[in-house]
N, C-alpha and C. Protein backbone atom coordinates (compact mmCIF):
# COMPACT_ATOMS: atom_id res chain seq x y z
N MET A 1 0.85 -1.18 0.00
CA MET A 1 0.00 0.00 0.00
C MET A 1 0.89 1.24 0.00
N TYR A 2 0.52 2.20 -0.81
CA TYR A 2 1.26 3.45 -0.93
C TYR A 2 0.70 4.49 0.05
N ARG A 3 1.56 5.40 0.44
CA ARG A 3 1.14 6.56 1.22
C ARG A 3 0.77 7.66 0.23
N VAL A 4 -0.25 8.45 0.53
CA VAL A 4 -0.63 9.57 -0.34
C VAL A 4 -0.38 10.87 0.42
N ASP A 5 0.49 11.69 -0.15
CA ASP A 5 0.77 13.02 0.40
C ASP A 5 0.10 14.06 -0.49
N ILE A 6 -0.47 15.05 0.13
CA ILE A 6 -1.15 16.11 -0.62
C ILE A 6 -0.44 17.42 -0.32
N SER A 7 0.01 18.09 -1.36
CA SER A 7 0.75 19.34 -1.18
C SER A 7 -0.16 20.42 -0.57
N PRO A 8 0.45 21.39 0.10
CA PRO A 8 -0.35 22.50 0.65
C PRO A 8 -1.14 23.23 -0.44
N MET A 9 -0.56 23.37 -1.63
CA MET A 9 -1.27 24.04 -2.72
C MET A 9 -2.51 23.25 -3.12
N ALA A 10 -2.37 21.93 -3.23
CA ALA A 10 -3.52 21.09 -3.59
C ALA A 10 -4.60 21.15 -2.51
N LYS A 11 -4.21 21.17 -1.24
CA LYS A 11 -5.18 21.27 -0.15
C LYS A 11 -5.94 22.59 -0.23
N GLU A 12 -5.22 23.66 -0.52
CA GLU A 12 -5.85 24.97 -0.62
C GLU A 12 -6.85 25.03 -1.78
N ILE A 13 -6.46 24.46 -2.91
CA ILE A 13 -7.35 24.44 -4.07
C ILE A 13 -8.59 23.61 -3.76
N LEU A 14 -8.41 22.46 -3.11
CA LEU A 14 -9.55 21.64 -2.74
C LEU A 14 -10.50 22.41 -1.83
N GLU A 15 -9.95 23.08 -0.85
CA GLU A 15 -10.78 23.88 0.07
C GLU A 15 -11.59 24.93 -0.70
N ASP A 16 -10.94 25.57 -1.67
CA ASP A 16 -11.64 26.58 -2.48
C ASP A 16 -12.81 25.96 -3.25
N TYR A 17 -12.58 24.78 -3.84
CA TYR A 17 -13.65 24.10 -4.57
C TYR A 17 -14.79 23.69 -3.66
N VAL A 18 -14.46 23.22 -2.46
CA VAL A 18 -15.50 22.82 -1.51
C VAL A 18 -16.34 24.03 -1.11
N ILE A 19 -15.70 25.15 -0.86
CA ILE A 19 -16.42 26.38 -0.50
C ILE A 19 -17.33 26.81 -1.64
N LEU A 20 -16.80 26.82 -2.86
CA LEU A 20 -17.62 27.21 -4.02
C LEU A 20 -18.79 26.26 -4.21
N CYS A 21 -18.51 24.98 -4.07
CA CYS A 21 -19.56 23.98 -4.23
C CYS A 21 -20.65 24.19 -3.19
N TYR A 22 -20.24 24.46 -1.97
CA TYR A 22 -21.20 24.70 -0.89
C TYR A 22 -22.03 25.95 -1.18
N GLN A 23 -21.37 27.02 -1.60
CA GLN A 23 -22.08 28.28 -1.87
C GLN A 23 -23.04 28.15 -3.04
N ASP A 24 -22.62 27.45 -4.08
CA ASP A 24 -23.43 27.33 -5.29
C ASP A 24 -24.52 26.25 -5.20
N ASN A 25 -24.22 25.14 -4.51
CA ASN A 25 -25.10 23.98 -4.57
C ASN A 25 -25.50 23.41 -3.21
N GLY A 26 -24.96 23.93 -2.14
CA GLY A 26 -25.35 23.47 -0.82
C GLY A 26 -24.42 22.45 -0.19
N GLU A 27 -24.75 22.13 1.03
CA GLU A 27 -23.91 21.25 1.85
C GLU A 27 -23.79 19.85 1.27
N GLU A 28 -24.88 19.30 0.76
CA GLU A 28 -24.85 17.94 0.22
C GLU A 28 -23.85 17.81 -0.93
N CYS A 29 -23.82 18.79 -1.79
CA CYS A 29 -22.89 18.78 -2.91
C CYS A 29 -21.44 18.87 -2.42
N ALA A 30 -21.18 19.75 -1.46
CA ALA A 30 -19.83 19.90 -0.92
C ALA A 30 -19.36 18.61 -0.26
N LEU A 31 -20.25 17.96 0.48
CA LEU A 31 -19.90 16.69 1.12
C LEU A 31 -19.67 15.59 0.09
N SER A 32 -20.43 15.62 -0.98
CA SER A 32 -20.25 14.65 -2.05
C SER A 32 -18.88 14.84 -2.72
N LEU A 33 -18.49 16.08 -2.91
CA LEU A 33 -17.16 16.38 -3.46
C LEU A 33 -16.07 15.81 -2.55
N LEU A 34 -16.18 16.03 -1.26
CA LEU A 34 -15.19 15.50 -0.32
C LEU A 34 -15.19 13.97 -0.30
N ASP A 35 -16.36 13.36 -0.39
CA ASP A 35 -16.43 11.90 -0.44
C ASP A 35 -15.74 11.36 -1.69
N SER A 36 -15.96 12.01 -2.81
CA SER A 36 -15.32 11.60 -4.05
C SER A 36 -13.80 11.74 -3.95
N PHE A 37 -13.35 12.84 -3.36
CA PHE A 37 -11.92 13.06 -3.13
C PHE A 37 -11.34 11.91 -2.30
N ASP A 38 -11.98 11.61 -1.17
CA ASP A 38 -11.49 10.55 -0.29
C ASP A 38 -11.48 9.19 -0.98
N GLU A 39 -12.51 8.92 -1.77
CA GLU A 39 -12.58 7.64 -2.49
C GLU A 39 -11.41 7.48 -3.46
N LYS A 40 -11.10 8.53 -4.19
CA LYS A 40 -10.00 8.44 -5.16
C LYS A 40 -8.65 8.40 -4.47
N VAL A 41 -8.51 9.05 -3.31
CA VAL A 41 -7.27 8.94 -2.54
C VAL A 41 -7.06 7.48 -2.13
N GLU A 42 -8.13 6.80 -1.72
CA GLU A 42 -8.03 5.38 -1.36
C GLU A 42 -7.61 4.54 -2.56
N PHE A 43 -8.14 4.85 -3.74
CA PHE A 43 -7.73 4.14 -4.96
C PHE A 43 -6.23 4.33 -5.18
N LEU A 44 -5.74 5.55 -4.99
CA LEU A 44 -4.32 5.82 -5.20
C LEU A 44 -3.44 5.06 -4.21
N LYS A 45 -3.92 4.87 -3.00
CA LYS A 45 -3.15 4.11 -2.01
C LYS A 45 -2.94 2.67 -2.46
N ASN A 46 -3.97 2.10 -3.05
CA ASN A 46 -3.92 0.69 -3.42
C ASN A 46 -3.50 0.44 -4.86
N THR A 47 -3.78 1.40 -5.74
CA THR A 47 -3.49 1.24 -7.16
C THR A 47 -3.00 2.56 -7.73
N PRO A 48 -1.76 2.94 -7.45
CA PRO A 48 -1.28 4.26 -7.87
C PRO A 48 -1.25 4.47 -9.38
N LEU A 49 -1.17 3.41 -10.14
CA LEU A 49 -1.13 3.56 -11.60
C LEU A 49 -2.52 3.72 -12.20
N ILE A 50 -3.54 3.88 -11.35
CA ILE A 50 -4.91 4.02 -11.84
C ILE A 50 -5.09 5.27 -12.70
N GLY A 51 -4.35 6.31 -12.43
CA GLY A 51 -4.49 7.55 -13.19
C GLY A 51 -3.97 7.40 -14.60
N CYS A 52 -4.46 8.24 -15.47
CA CYS A 52 -3.96 8.22 -16.84
C CYS A 52 -2.72 9.09 -16.94
N ALA A 53 -1.94 8.88 -17.95
CA ALA A 53 -0.67 9.58 -18.07
C ALA A 53 -0.81 10.89 -18.85
N ARG A 54 -1.91 11.13 -19.49
CA ARG A 54 -1.98 12.29 -20.35
C ARG A 54 -3.22 13.14 -20.13
N LEU A 55 -3.00 14.40 -20.10
CA LEU A 55 -4.03 15.42 -20.15
C LEU A 55 -3.30 16.62 -20.75
N ARG A 56 -3.95 17.32 -21.61
CA ARG A 56 -3.31 18.42 -22.32
C ARG A 56 -2.59 19.34 -21.34
N TYR A 57 -1.38 19.71 -21.68
CA TYR A 57 -0.52 20.62 -20.92
C TYR A 57 0.13 20.00 -19.68
N VAL A 58 -0.15 18.76 -19.38
CA VAL A 58 0.45 18.15 -18.21
C VAL A 58 1.79 17.51 -18.61
N PRO A 59 2.89 17.93 -17.99
CA PRO A 59 4.20 17.37 -18.32
C PRO A 59 4.25 15.86 -18.07
N ASP A 60 5.16 15.18 -18.76
CA ASP A 60 5.28 13.73 -18.69
C ASP A 60 5.56 13.21 -17.29
N LYS A 61 6.17 14.01 -16.44
CA LYS A 61 6.52 13.51 -15.10
C LYS A 61 5.30 13.30 -14.21
N TYR A 62 4.13 13.80 -14.62
CA TYR A 62 2.92 13.69 -13.83
C TYR A 62 1.94 12.69 -14.42
N ARG A 63 1.08 12.19 -13.55
CA ARG A 63 -0.09 11.43 -13.95
C ARG A 63 -1.30 12.22 -13.47
N VAL A 64 -2.46 11.93 -14.01
CA VAL A 64 -3.68 12.64 -13.61
C VAL A 64 -4.79 11.63 -13.32
N LEU A 65 -5.70 12.05 -12.45
CA LEU A 65 -6.85 11.22 -12.12
C LEU A 65 -8.04 12.14 -11.87
N ASN A 66 -9.10 11.89 -12.59
CA ASN A 66 -10.32 12.67 -12.43
C ASN A 66 -11.05 12.20 -11.18
N PHE A 67 -11.47 13.15 -10.32
CA PHE A 67 -12.21 12.75 -9.13
C PHE A 67 -13.54 13.46 -8.97
N TRP A 68 -13.81 14.45 -9.82
CA TRP A 68 -15.07 15.19 -9.80
C TRP A 68 -15.22 15.76 -11.20
N PRO A 69 -16.41 16.00 -11.69
CA PRO A 69 -16.51 16.51 -13.07
C PRO A 69 -15.59 17.71 -13.31
N HIS A 70 -14.69 17.54 -14.24
CA HIS A 70 -13.71 18.55 -14.68
C HIS A 70 -12.58 18.79 -13.69
N ILE A 71 -12.54 18.08 -12.57
CA ILE A 71 -11.50 18.32 -11.56
C ILE A 71 -10.61 17.09 -11.45
N TRP A 72 -9.31 17.34 -11.48
CA TRP A 72 -8.30 16.28 -11.57
C TRP A 72 -7.22 16.45 -10.52
N PHE A 73 -6.74 15.30 -10.00
CA PHE A 73 -5.48 15.28 -9.26
C PHE A 73 -4.36 15.31 -10.29
N VAL A 74 -3.29 16.01 -10.01
CA VAL A 74 -2.05 15.92 -10.77
C VAL A 74 -1.02 15.40 -9.77
N PHE A 75 -0.46 14.23 -10.06
CA PHE A 75 0.39 13.58 -9.06
C PHE A 75 1.59 12.90 -9.67
N GLN A 76 2.54 12.60 -8.80
CA GLN A 76 3.71 11.82 -9.16
C GLN A 76 3.76 10.59 -8.26
N ILE A 77 4.27 9.51 -8.80
CA ILE A 77 4.45 8.29 -8.03
C ILE A 77 5.94 8.20 -7.68
N LYS A 78 6.21 8.14 -6.40
CA LYS A 78 7.59 8.00 -5.90
C LYS A 78 7.76 6.54 -5.48
N GLU A 79 8.16 5.71 -6.44
CA GLU A 79 8.25 4.26 -6.22
C GLU A 79 9.15 3.92 -5.03
N HIS A 80 10.31 4.53 -4.96
CA HIS A 80 11.28 4.18 -3.91
C HIS A 80 10.78 4.56 -2.51
N GLU A 81 9.82 5.47 -2.43
CA GLU A 81 9.24 5.87 -1.14
C GLU A 81 7.86 5.25 -0.91
N GLU A 82 7.37 4.51 -1.91
CA GLU A 82 6.00 3.99 -1.89
C GLU A 82 5.02 5.10 -1.53
N CYS A 83 5.12 6.17 -2.30
CA CYS A 83 4.33 7.37 -2.03
C CYS A 83 3.75 7.92 -3.32
N VAL A 84 2.52 8.38 -3.23
CA VAL A 84 1.89 9.14 -4.30
C VAL A 84 1.80 10.57 -3.79
N LYS A 85 2.37 11.49 -4.54
CA LYS A 85 2.38 12.90 -4.13
C LYS A 85 1.43 13.67 -5.03
N ILE A 86 0.30 14.12 -4.47
CA ILE A 86 -0.64 14.96 -5.22
C ILE A 86 -0.11 16.38 -5.15
N GLU A 87 0.34 16.87 -6.30
CA GLU A 87 0.98 18.19 -6.36
C GLU A 87 -0.03 19.30 -6.58
N TYR A 88 -1.01 19.05 -7.45
CA TYR A 88 -1.98 20.07 -7.84
C TYR A 88 -3.36 19.47 -7.97
N ILE A 89 -4.34 20.31 -7.94
CA ILE A 89 -5.70 19.97 -8.34
C ILE A 89 -6.07 20.99 -9.40
N ILE A 90 -6.51 20.50 -10.56
CA ILE A 90 -6.81 21.40 -11.67
C ILE A 90 -8.23 21.18 -12.19
N ASP A 91 -8.72 22.21 -12.83
CA ASP A 91 -10.02 22.18 -13.51
C ASP A 91 -9.71 22.18 -15.00
N ASP A 92 -10.15 21.17 -15.73
CA ASP A 92 -9.79 21.05 -17.14
C ASP A 92 -10.48 22.09 -18.02
N ARG A 93 -11.34 22.91 -17.45
CA ARG A 93 -11.98 23.99 -18.21
C ARG A 93 -11.20 25.29 -18.11
N GLN A 94 -10.16 25.31 -17.31
CA GLN A 94 -9.39 26.53 -17.09
C GLN A 94 -8.00 26.40 -17.70
N ASN A 95 -7.30 27.50 -17.79
CA ASN A 95 -5.94 27.52 -18.31
C ASN A 95 -4.97 27.13 -17.18
N TYR A 96 -4.80 25.83 -16.99
CA TYR A 96 -3.98 25.35 -15.90
C TYR A 96 -2.52 25.11 -16.30
N GLY A 97 -2.21 25.18 -17.59
CA GLY A 97 -0.87 24.84 -18.07
C GLY A 97 0.24 25.65 -17.43
N ARG A 98 -0.01 26.91 -17.14
CA ARG A 98 1.05 27.76 -16.57
C ARG A 98 1.45 27.33 -15.16
N PHE A 99 0.59 26.60 -14.45
CA PHE A 99 0.91 26.15 -13.11
C PHE A 99 1.78 24.91 -13.10
N LEU A 100 1.83 24.19 -14.21
CA LEU A 100 2.47 22.88 -14.22
C LEU A 100 3.85 22.87 -14.88
N ARG A 101 4.41 23.98 -15.13
CA ARG A 101 5.73 24.00 -15.79
C ARG A 101 6.83 23.60 -14.88
């Protein structure tokens, strides 16, 4: 089983999405977003290669995994540490390429 580390930037972005989801759609939607996040983190612990390797503008060193409509984890697998490091959370409808250089 792999350990999953989430960068401070990814945590902050997730918090922003949860707040927006709550404001726009209510508590149930925000909780559903968090449940989906937790579910995919569990998948990464057990099957880190579950993510796909390509999404436009994402450098080769990263993998991506969709966990909510249009929202993706951007992560690296550190085999020697048995760790999955979630570096970013991106929305595929936005210009996220500048953050991933």
